[in-house]
Amino acid sequence: MPSIGVITLEMRLDHSHSLKDKRHVVKSLKERLRNRYNVAVAEIAYQDLWQRGLLAAVTVASSRAIAEKTLQSVEKEASDTLGPLLVETVVEWLD
């Protein structure tokens, strides 16, 4: 049975001084995650705030184990890229 997993990544971008600064960070992370892990990624909240961001990445896999591995990789990549700017991650399952 297919499994659908969603991970949300909350960011605090203290160094950002404009929406342009924020969008540069968010766009770069979105493209990196899409290209490396074949997940759908969207900014789902805080679009008008300079120093906060919330991304969601979604994967569909033939098993939950495969989906879990993908989302763990996404979380690690986001953590490695953002470091302490990544303040919270939440994983949800829709299977």
PDB file of N, CA and C in Angstrom:
ATOM      1  N   MET A   1       0.832  -1.178   0.000  1.00  0.00           N
ATOM      2  CA  MET A   1       0.000   0.000   0.000  1.00  0.00           C
ATOM      3  C   MET A   1       0.882   1.249   0.000  1.00  0.00           C
ATOM      4  N   PRO A   2       0.594   2.211  -0.852  1.00  0.00           N
ATOM      5  CA  PRO A   2       1.417   3.423  -0.901  1.00  0.00           C
ATOM      6  C   PRO A   2       1.353   4.214   0.400  1.00  0.00           C
ATOM      7  N   SER A   3       2.403   4.947   0.655  1.00  0.00           N
ATOM      8  CA  SER A   3       2.496   5.761   1.854  1.00  0.00           C
ATOM      9  C   SER A   3       2.823   7.194   1.462  1.00  0.00           C
ATOM     10  N   ILE A   4       2.146   8.139   2.116  1.00  0.00           N
ATOM     11  CA  ILE A   4       2.367   9.564   1.851  1.00  0.00           C
ATOM     12  C   ILE A   4       2.865  10.199   3.140  1.00  0.00           C
ATOM     13  N   GLY A   5       4.019  10.838   3.057  1.00  0.00           N
ATOM     14  CA  GLY A   5       4.601  11.498   4.219  1.00  0.00           C
ATOM     15  C   GLY A   5       4.807  12.971   3.952  1.00  0.00           C
ATOM     16  N   VAL A   6       4.560  13.779   4.982  1.00  0.00           N
ATOM     17  CA  VAL A   6       4.734  15.229   4.893  1.00  0.00           C
ATOM     18  C   VAL A   6       5.646  15.661   6.030  1.00  0.00           C
ATOM     19  N   ILE A   7       6.657  16.442   5.701  1.00  0.00           N
ATOM     20  CA  ILE A   7       7.506  17.026   6.734  1.00  0.00           C
ATOM     21  C   ILE A   7       7.412  18.540   6.616  1.00  0.00           C
ATOM     22  N   THR A   8       7.205  19.193   7.740  1.00  0.00           N
ATOM     23  CA  THR A   8       7.214  20.652   7.750  1.00  0.00           C
ATOM     24  C   THR A   8       8.505  21.107   8.413  1.00  0.00           C
ATOM     25  N   LEU A   9       9.066  22.147   7.853  1.00  0.00           N
ATOM     26  CA  LEU A   9      10.352  22.686   8.298  1.00  0.00           C
ATOM     27  C   LEU A   9      10.158  24.159   8.638  1.00  0.00           C
ATOM     28  N   GLU A  10      10.244  24.481   9.923  1.00  0.00           N
ATOM     29  CA  GLU A  10      10.092  25.875  10.339  1.00  0.00           C
ATOM     30  C   GLU A  10      11.458  26.512  10.505  1.00  0.00           C
ATOM     31  N   MET A  11      11.604  27.685   9.907  1.00  0.00           N
ATOM     32  CA  MET A  11      12.882  28.399   9.919  1.00  0.00           C
ATOM     33  C   MET A  11      12.741  29.745  10.608  1.00  0.00           C
ATOM     34  N   ARG A  12      13.775  30.141  11.279  1.00  0.00           N
ATOM     35  CA  ARG A  12      13.865  31.486  11.840  1.00  0.00           C
ATOM     36  C   ARG A  12      15.096  32.128  11.203  1.00  0.00           C
ATOM     37  N   LEU A  13      14.866  33.131  10.386  1.00  0.00           N
ATOM     38  CA  LEU A  13      15.929  33.738   9.583  1.00  0.00           C
ATOM     39  C   LEU A  13      16.300  35.100  10.165  1.00  0.00           C
ATOM     40  N   ASP A  14      16.977  35.076  11.295  1.00  0.00           N
ATOM     41  CA  ASP A  14      17.317  36.308  12.006  1.00  0.00           C
ATOM     42  C   ASP A  14      18.181  37.251  11.186  1.00  0.00           C
ATOM     43  N   HIS A  15      18.997  36.734  10.305  1.00  0.00           N
ATOM     44  CA  HIS A  15      19.897  37.564   9.505  1.00  0.00           C
ATOM     45  C   HIS A  15      19.202  38.221   8.322  1.00  0.00           C
ATOM     46  N   SER A  16      17.978  37.836   8.044  1.00  0.00           N
ATOM     47  CA  SER A  16      17.235  38.374   6.915  1.00  0.00           C
ATOM     48  C   SER A  16      16.729  39.781   7.232  1.00  0.00           C
ATOM     49  N   HIS A  17      16.955  40.715   6.307  1.00  0.00           N
ATOM     50  CA  HIS A  17      16.528  42.099   6.505  1.00  0.00           C
ATOM     51  C   HIS A  17      15.467  42.529   5.504  1.00  0.00           C
ATOM     52  N   SER A  18      15.050  41.609   4.646  1.00  0.00           N
ATOM     53  CA  SER A  18      14.021  41.920   3.660  1.00  0.00           C
ATOM     54  C   SER A  18      13.418  40.609   3.162  1.00  0.00           C
ATOM     55  N   LEU A  19      12.288  40.719   2.474  1.00  0.00           N
ATOM     56  CA  LEU A  19      11.690  39.535   1.867  1.00  0.00           C
ATOM     57  C   LEU A  19      12.613  38.953   0.806  1.00  0.00           C
ATOM     58  N   LYS A  20      13.378  39.810   0.147  1.00  0.00           N
ATOM     59  CA  LYS A  20      14.327  39.335  -0.866  1.00  0.00           C
ATOM     60  C   LYS A  20      15.386  38.432  -0.234  1.00  0.00           C
ATOM     61  N   ASP A  21      15.914  38.830   0.916  1.00  0.00           N
ATOM     62  CA  ASP A  21      16.888  37.992   1.633  1.00  0.00           C
ATOM     63  C   ASP A  21      16.272  36.645   2.000  1.00  0.00           C
ATOM     64  N   LYS A  22      15.054  36.697   2.528  1.00  0.00           N
ATOM     65  CA  LYS A  22      14.375  35.470   2.937  1.00  0.00           C
ATOM     66  C   LYS A  22      14.129  34.571   1.736  1.00  0.00           C
ATOM     67  N   ARG A  23      13.614  35.125   0.662  1.00  0.00           N
ATOM     68  CA  ARG A  23      13.282  34.325  -0.516  1.00  0.00           C
ATOM     69  C   ARG A  23      14.504  33.644  -1.110  1.00  0.00           C
ATOM     70  N   HIS A  24      15.647  34.295  -1.010  1.00  0.00           N
ATOM     71  CA  HIS A  24      16.882  33.681  -1.502  1.00  0.00           C
ATOM     72  C   HIS A  24      17.163  32.378  -0.747  1.00  0.00           C
ATOM     73  N   VAL A  25      17.047  32.404   0.569  1.00  0.00           N
ATOM     74  CA  VAL A  25      17.290  31.215   1.394  1.00  0.00           C
ATOM     75  C   VAL A  25      16.235  30.154   1.117  1.00  0.00           C
ATOM     76  N   VAL A  26      14.974  30.559   1.111  1.00  0.00           N
ATOM     77  CA  VAL A  26      13.867  29.614   0.933  1.00  0.00           C
ATOM     78  C   VAL A  26      13.921  28.972  -0.451  1.00  0.00           C
ATOM     79  N   LYS A  27      14.116  29.778  -1.474  1.00  0.00           N
ATOM     80  CA  LYS A  27      14.156  29.249  -2.846  1.00  0.00           C
ATOM     81  C   LYS A  27      15.318  28.269  -3.020  1.00  0.00           C
ATOM     82  N   SER A  28      16.462  28.601  -2.473  1.00  0.00           N
ATOM     83  CA  SER A  28      17.632  27.728  -2.572  1.00  0.00           C
ATOM     84  C   SER A  28      17.363  26.376  -1.918  1.00  0.00           C
ATOM     85  N   LEU A  29      16.771  26.393  -0.714  1.00  0.00           N
ATOM     86  CA  LEU A  29      16.476  25.144  -0.019  1.00  0.00           C
ATOM     87  C   LEU A  29      15.418  24.339  -0.767  1.00  0.00           C
ATOM     88  N   LYS A  30      14.380  24.997  -1.259  1.00  0.00           N
ATOM     89  CA  LYS A  30      13.330  24.295  -2.006  1.00  0.00           C
ATOM     90  C   LYS A  30      13.915  23.577  -3.223  1.00  0.00           C
ATOM     91  N   GLU A  31      14.738  24.262  -3.985  1.00  0.00           N
ATOM     92  CA  GLU A  31      15.328  23.667  -5.186  1.00  0.00           C
ATOM     93  C   GLU A  31      16.252  22.505  -4.831  1.00  0.00           C
ATOM     94  N   ARG A  32      17.022  22.669  -3.788  1.00  0.00           N
ATOM     95  CA  ARG A  32      17.942  21.609  -3.353  1.00  0.00           C
ATOM     96  C   ARG A  32      17.171  20.348  -2.971  1.00  0.00           C
ATOM     97  N   LEU A  33      16.111  20.507  -2.181  1.00  0.00           N
ATOM     98  CA  LEU A  33      15.320  19.358  -1.748  1.00  0.00           C
ATOM     99  C   LEU A  33      14.606  18.684  -2.917  1.00  0.00           C
ATOM    100  N   ARG A  34      14.050  19.487  -3.815  1.00  0.00           N
ATOM    101  CA  ARG A  34      13.379  18.919  -4.993  1.00  0.00           C
ATOM    102  C   ARG A  34      14.343  18.112  -5.843  1.00  0.00           C
ATOM    103  N   ASN A  35      15.486  18.676  -6.107  1.00  0.00           N
ATOM    104  CA  ASN A  35      16.447  18.029  -7.001  1.00  0.00           C
ATOM    105  C   ASN A  35      17.090  16.789  -6.393  1.00  0.00           C
ATOM    106  N   ARG A  36      17.417  16.839  -5.119  1.00  0.00           N
ATOM    107  CA  ARG A  36      18.135  15.716  -4.504  1.00  0.00           C
ATOM    108  C   ARG A  36      17.236  14.573  -4.054  1.00  0.00           C
ATOM    109  N   TYR A  37      15.995  14.887  -3.659  1.00  0.00           N
ATOM    110  CA  TYR A  37      15.160  13.852  -3.036  1.00  0.00           C
ATOM    111  C   TYR A  37      13.837  13.620  -3.752  1.00  0.00           C
ATOM    112  N   ASN A  38      13.605  14.297  -4.866  1.00  0.00           N
ATOM    113  CA  ASN A  38      12.404  14.108  -5.669  1.00  0.00           C
ATOM    114  C   ASN A  38      11.139  14.232  -4.820  1.00  0.00           C
ATOM    115  N   VAL A  39      11.065  15.313  -4.039  1.00  0.00           N
ATOM    116  CA  VAL A  39       9.892  15.594  -3.220  1.00  0.00           C
ATOM    117  C   VAL A  39       9.226  16.869  -3.748  1.00  0.00           C
ATOM    118  N   ALA A  40       7.948  17.010  -3.466  1.00  0.00           N
ATOM    119  CA  ALA A  40       7.243  18.256  -3.755  1.00  0.00           C
ATOM    120  C   ALA A  40       7.462  19.172  -2.559  1.00  0.00           C
ATOM    121  N   VAL A  41       7.817  20.429  -2.817  1.00  0.00           N
ATOM    122  CA  VAL A  41       8.122  21.373  -1.741  1.00  0.00           C
ATOM    123  C   VAL A  41       7.386  22.682  -1.995  1.00  0.00           C
ATOM    124  N   ALA A  42       6.804  23.233  -0.929  1.00  0.00           N
ATOM    125  CA  ALA A  42       6.118  24.525  -1.036  1.00  0.00           C
ATOM    126  C   ALA A  42       6.286  25.306   0.259  1.00  0.00           C
ATOM    127  N   GLU A  43       6.319  26.623   0.123  1.00  0.00           N
ATOM    128  CA  GLU A  43       6.278  27.489   1.295  1.00  0.00           C
ATOM    129  C   GLU A  43       4.811  27.613   1.681  1.00  0.00           C
ATOM    130  N   ILE A  44       4.463  27.224   2.902  1.00  0.00           N
ATOM    131  CA  ILE A  44       3.050  27.125   3.263  1.00  0.00           C
ATOM    132  C   ILE A  44       2.575  28.170   4.270  1.00  0.00           C
ATOM    133  N   ALA A  45       3.469  28.965   4.809  1.00  0.00           N
ATOM    134  CA  ALA A  45       3.061  30.003   5.764  1.00  0.00           C
ATOM    135  C   ALA A  45       4.157  31.051   5.877  1.00  0.00           C
ATOM    136  N   TYR A  46       3.787  32.174   6.471  1.00  0.00           N
ATOM    137  CA  TYR A  46       4.719  33.276   6.765  1.00  0.00           C
ATOM    138  C   TYR A  46       5.318  33.907   5.506  1.00  0.00           C
ATOM    139  N   GLN A  47       4.604  33.875   4.397  1.00  0.00           N
ATOM    140  CA  GLN A  47       5.154  34.416   3.158  1.00  0.00           C
ATOM    141  C   GLN A  47       5.465  35.913   3.256  1.00  0.00           C
ATOM    142  N   ASP A  48       4.759  36.628   4.112  1.00  0.00           N
ATOM    143  CA  ASP A  48       4.965  38.074   4.216  1.00  0.00           C
ATOM    144  C   ASP A  48       5.889  38.486   5.359  1.00  0.00           C
ATOM    145  N   LEU A  49       6.434  37.502   6.074  1.00  0.00           N
ATOM    146  CA  LEU A  49       7.342  37.819   7.180  1.00  0.00           C
ATOM    147  C   LEU A  49       8.789  37.633   6.743  1.00  0.00           C
ATOM    148  N   TRP A  50       9.646  38.563   7.117  1.00  0.00           N
ATOM    149  CA  TRP A  50      11.045  38.527   6.699  1.00  0.00           C
ATOM    150  C   TRP A  50      11.853  37.452   7.394  1.00  0.00           C
ATOM    151  N   GLN A  51      11.544  37.186   8.644  1.00  0.00           N
ATOM    152  CA  GLN A  51      12.440  36.362   9.452  1.00  0.00           C
ATOM    153  C   GLN A  51      11.861  35.014   9.858  1.00  0.00           C
ATOM    154  N   ARG A  52      10.779  34.602   9.228  1.00  0.00           N
ATOM    155  CA  ARG A  52      10.208  33.277   9.501  1.00  0.00           C
ATOM    156  C   ARG A  52       9.848  32.622   8.187  1.00  0.00           C
ATOM    157  N   GLY A  53       9.950  31.310   8.173  1.00  0.00           N
ATOM    158  CA  GLY A  53       9.554  30.561   6.991  1.00  0.00           C
ATOM    159  C   GLY A  53       9.043  29.192   7.390  1.00  0.00           C
ATOM    160  N   LEU A  54       8.092  28.681   6.632  1.00  0.00           N
ATOM    161  CA  LEU A  54       7.575  27.346   6.885  1.00  0.00           C
ATOM    162  C   LEU A  54       7.413  26.639   5.546  1.00  0.00           C
ATOM    163  N   LEU A  55       8.221  25.592   5.366  1.00  0.00           N
ATOM    164  CA  LEU A  55       8.155  24.787   4.152  1.00  0.00           C
ATOM    165  C   LEU A  55       7.538  23.437   4.475  1.00  0.00           C
ATOM    166  N   ALA A  56       6.877  22.866   3.477  1.00  0.00           N
ATOM    167  CA  ALA A  56       6.391  21.498   3.582  1.00  0.00           C
ATOM    168  C   ALA A  56       6.955  20.720   2.404  1.00  0.00           C
ATOM    169  N   ALA A  57       7.440  19.517   2.680  1.00  0.00           N
ATOM    170  CA  ALA A  57       7.919  18.609   1.642  1.00  0.00           C
ATOM    171  C   ALA A  57       7.093  17.337   1.728  1.00  0.00           C
ATOM    172  N   VAL A  58       6.672  16.832   0.574  1.00  0.00           N
ATOM    173  CA  VAL A  58       5.802  15.665   0.522  1.00  0.00           C
ATOM    174  C   VAL A  58       6.445  14.594  -0.348  1.00  0.00           C
ATOM    175  N   THR A  59       6.334  13.346   0.110  1.00  0.00           N
ATOM    176  CA  THR A  59       6.804  12.219  -0.688  1.00  0.00           C
ATOM    177  C   THR A  59       5.725  11.144  -0.729  1.00  0.00           C
ATOM    178  N   VAL A  60       5.680  10.451  -1.839  1.00  0.00           N
ATOM    179  CA  VAL A  60       4.796   9.296  -2.002  1.00  0.00           C
ATOM    180  C   VAL A  60       5.694   8.124  -2.354  1.00  0.00           C
ATOM    181  N   ALA A  61       5.538   7.023  -1.614  1.00  0.00           N
ATOM    182  CA  ALA A  61       6.397   5.857  -1.844  1.00  0.00           C
ATOM    183  C   ALA A  61       5.567   4.583  -1.737  1.00  0.00           C
ATOM    184  N   SER A  62       6.151   3.513  -2.232  1.00  0.00           N
ATOM    185  CA  SER A  62       5.445   2.229  -2.220  1.00  0.00           C
ATOM    186  C   SER A  62       5.338   1.625  -0.820  1.00  0.00           C
ATOM    187  N   SER A  63       6.188   2.096   0.100  1.00  0.00           N
ATOM    188  CA  SER A  63       6.103   1.616   1.481  1.00  0.00           C
ATOM    189  C   SER A  63       6.453   2.747   2.434  1.00  0.00           C
ATOM    190  N   ARG A  64       6.018   2.594   3.663  1.00  0.00           N
ATOM    191  CA  ARG A  64       6.305   3.616   4.667  1.00  0.00           C
ATOM    192  C   ARG A  64       7.803   3.699   4.957  1.00  0.00           C
ATOM    193  N   ALA A  65       8.488   2.574   4.923  1.00  0.00           N
ATOM    194  CA  ALA A  65       9.933   2.562   5.196  1.00  0.00           C
ATOM    195  C   ALA A  65      10.686   3.425   4.187  1.00  0.00           C
ATOM    196  N   ILE A  66      10.322   3.319   2.936  1.00  0.00           N
ATOM    197  CA  ILE A  66      10.975   4.124   1.893  1.00  0.00           C
ATOM    198  C   ILE A  66      10.651   5.604   2.095  1.00  0.00           C
ATOM    199  N   ALA A  67       9.391   5.903   2.388  1.00  0.00           N
ATOM    200  CA  ALA A  67       8.992   7.291   2.623  1.00  0.00           C
ATOM    201  C   ALA A  67       9.707   7.868   3.840  1.00  0.00           C
ATOM    202  N   GLU A  68       9.831   7.075   4.910  1.00  0.00           N
ATOM    203  CA  GLU A  68      10.541   7.529   6.116  1.00  0.00           C
ATOM    204  C   GLU A  68      11.992   7.857   5.808  1.00  0.00           C
ATOM    205  N   LYS A  69      12.632   7.005   5.025  1.00  0.00           N
ATOM    206  CA  LYS A  69      14.032   7.237   4.662  1.00  0.00           C
ATOM    207  C   LYS A  69      14.173   8.539   3.875  1.00  0.00           C
ATOM    208  N   THR A  70      13.256   8.780   2.965  1.00  0.00           N
ATOM    209  CA  THR A  70      13.293  10.019   2.169  1.00  0.00           C
ATOM    210  C   THR A  70      13.121  11.235   3.062  1.00  0.00           C
ATOM    211  N   LEU A  71      12.130  11.199   3.953  1.00  0.00           N
ATOM    212  CA  LEU A  71      11.884  12.356   4.817  1.00  0.00           C
ATOM    213  C   LEU A  71      13.005  12.572   5.820  1.00  0.00           C
ATOM    214  N   GLN A  72      13.634  11.506   6.282  1.00  0.00           N
ATOM    215  CA  GLN A  72      14.800  11.654   7.160  1.00  0.00           C
ATOM    216  C   GLN A  72      15.946  12.343   6.407  1.00  0.00           C
ATOM    217  N   SER A  73      16.114  11.987   5.149  1.00  0.00           N
ATOM    218  CA  SER A  73      17.150  12.619   4.330  1.00  0.00           C
ATOM    219  C   SER A  73      16.842  14.090   4.106  1.00  0.00           C
ATOM    220  N   VAL A  74      15.566  14.404   3.871  1.00  0.00           N
ATOM    221  CA  VAL A  74      15.151  15.799   3.695  1.00  0.00           C
ATOM    222  C   VAL A  74      15.442  16.590   4.967  1.00  0.00           C
ATOM    223  N   GLU A  75      15.094  16.024   6.115  1.00  0.00           N
ATOM    224  CA  GLU A  75      15.337  16.707   7.386  1.00  0.00           C
ATOM    225  C   GLU A  75      16.834  16.923   7.620  1.00  0.00           C
ATOM    226  N   LYS A  76      17.642  15.933   7.331  1.00  0.00           N
ATOM    227  CA  LYS A  76      19.089  16.059   7.511  1.00  0.00           C
ATOM    228  C   LYS A  76      19.657  17.134   6.588  1.00  0.00           C
ATOM    229  N   GLU A  77      19.216  17.141   5.341  1.00  0.00           N
ATOM    230  CA  GLU A  77      19.687  18.154   4.380  1.00  0.00           C
ATOM    231  C   GLU A  77      19.309  19.550   4.844  1.00  0.00           C
ATOM    232  N   ALA A  78      18.075  19.715   5.298  1.00  0.00           N
ATOM    233  CA  ALA A  78      17.630  21.025   5.785  1.00  0.00           C
ATOM    234  C   ALA A  78      18.441  21.434   7.012  1.00  0.00           C
ATOM    235  N   SER A  79      18.675  20.499   7.901  1.00  0.00           N
ATOM    236  CA  SER A  79      19.456  20.788   9.104  1.00  0.00           C
ATOM    237  C   SER A  79      20.895  21.150   8.758  1.00  0.00           C
ATOM    238  N   ASP A  80      21.487  20.398   7.839  1.00  0.00           N
ATOM    239  CA  ASP A  80      22.862  20.687   7.425  1.00  0.00           C
ATOM    240  C   ASP A  80      22.960  22.045   6.732  1.00  0.00           C
ATOM    241  N   THR A  81      21.946  22.389   5.963  1.00  0.00           N
ATOM    242  CA  THR A  81      21.950  23.646   5.210  1.00  0.00           C
ATOM    243  C   THR A  81      21.666  24.839   6.113  1.00  0.00           C
ATOM    244  N   LEU A  82      20.665  24.709   6.989  1.00  0.00           N
ATOM    245  CA  LEU A  82      20.215  25.842   7.794  1.00  0.00           C
ATOM    246  C   LEU A  82      20.864  25.919   9.168  1.00  0.00           C
ATOM    247  N   GLY A  83      21.330  24.792   9.678  1.00  0.00           N
ATOM    248  CA  GLY A  83      21.919  24.779  11.017  1.00  0.00           C
ATOM    249  C   GLY A  83      20.910  25.239  12.053  1.00  0.00           C
ATOM    250  N   PRO A  84      21.298  26.172  12.929  1.00  0.00           N
ATOM    251  CA  PRO A  84      20.399  26.607  13.996  1.00  0.00           C
ATOM    252  C   PRO A  84      19.201  27.425  13.506  1.00  0.00           C
ATOM    253  N   LEU A  85      19.180  27.776  12.229  1.00  0.00           N
ATOM    254  CA  LEU A  85      18.037  28.509  11.682  1.00  0.00           C
ATOM    255  C   LEU A  85      16.804  27.612  11.550  1.00  0.00           C
ATOM    256  N   LEU A  86      17.018  26.294  11.507  1.00  0.00           N
ATOM    257  CA  LEU A  86      15.917  25.338  11.468  1.00  0.00           C
ATOM    258  C   LEU A  86      15.458  25.112  12.907  1.00  0.00           C
ATOM    259  N   VAL A  87      14.268  25.601  13.253  1.00  0.00           N
ATOM    260  CA  VAL A  87      13.841  25.569  14.654  1.00  0.00           C
ATOM    261  C   VAL A  87      12.883  24.440  14.973  1.00  0.00           C
ATOM    262  N   GLU A  88      12.191  23.884  13.968  1.00  0.00           N
ATOM    263  CA  GLU A  88      11.273  22.787  14.255  1.00  0.00           C
ATOM    264  C   GLU A  88      10.985  21.983  12.991  1.00  0.00           C
ATOM    265  N   THR A  89      10.854  20.687  13.165  1.00  0.00           N
ATOM    266  CA  THR A  89      10.414  19.804  12.084  1.00  0.00           C
ATOM    267  C   THR A  89       9.295  18.913  12.624  1.00  0.00           C
ATOM    268  N   VAL A  90       8.310  18.668  11.787  1.00  0.00           N
ATOM    269  CA  VAL A  90       7.197  17.809  12.159  1.00  0.00           C
ATOM    270  C   VAL A  90       6.909  16.889  10.980  1.00  0.00           C
ATOM    271  N   VAL A  91       6.762  15.590  11.250  1.00  0.00           N
ATOM    272  CA  VAL A  91       6.432  14.619  10.217  1.00  0.00           C
ATOM    273  C   VAL A  91       5.017  14.113  10.449  1.00  0.00           C
ATOM    274  N   GLU A  92       4.230  14.058   9.378  1.00  0.00           N
ATOM    275  CA  GLU A  92       2.872  13.529   9.428  1.00  0.00           C
ATOM    276  C   GLU A  92       2.703  12.488   8.348  1.00  0.00           C
ATOM    277  N   TRP A  93       1.824  11.529   8.612  1.00  0.00           N
ATOM    278  CA  TRP A  93       1.572  10.436   7.656  1.00  0.00           C
ATOM    279  C   TRP A  93       0.120  10.456   7.215  1.00  0.00           C
ATOM    280  N   LEU A  94      -0.072  10.267   5.915  1.00  0.00           N
ATOM    281  CA  LEU A  94      -1.407  10.284   5.328  1.00  0.00           C
ATOM    282  C   LEU A  94      -1.720   8.949   4.684  1.00  0.00           C
ATOM    283  N   ASP A  95      -1.446   7.862   5.381  1.00  0.00           N
ATOM    284  CA  ASP A  95      -1.693   6.554   4.772  1.00  0.00           C
ATOM    285  C   ASP A  95      -2.767   5.773   5.481  1.00  0.00           C
TER     286      ASP A  95
END
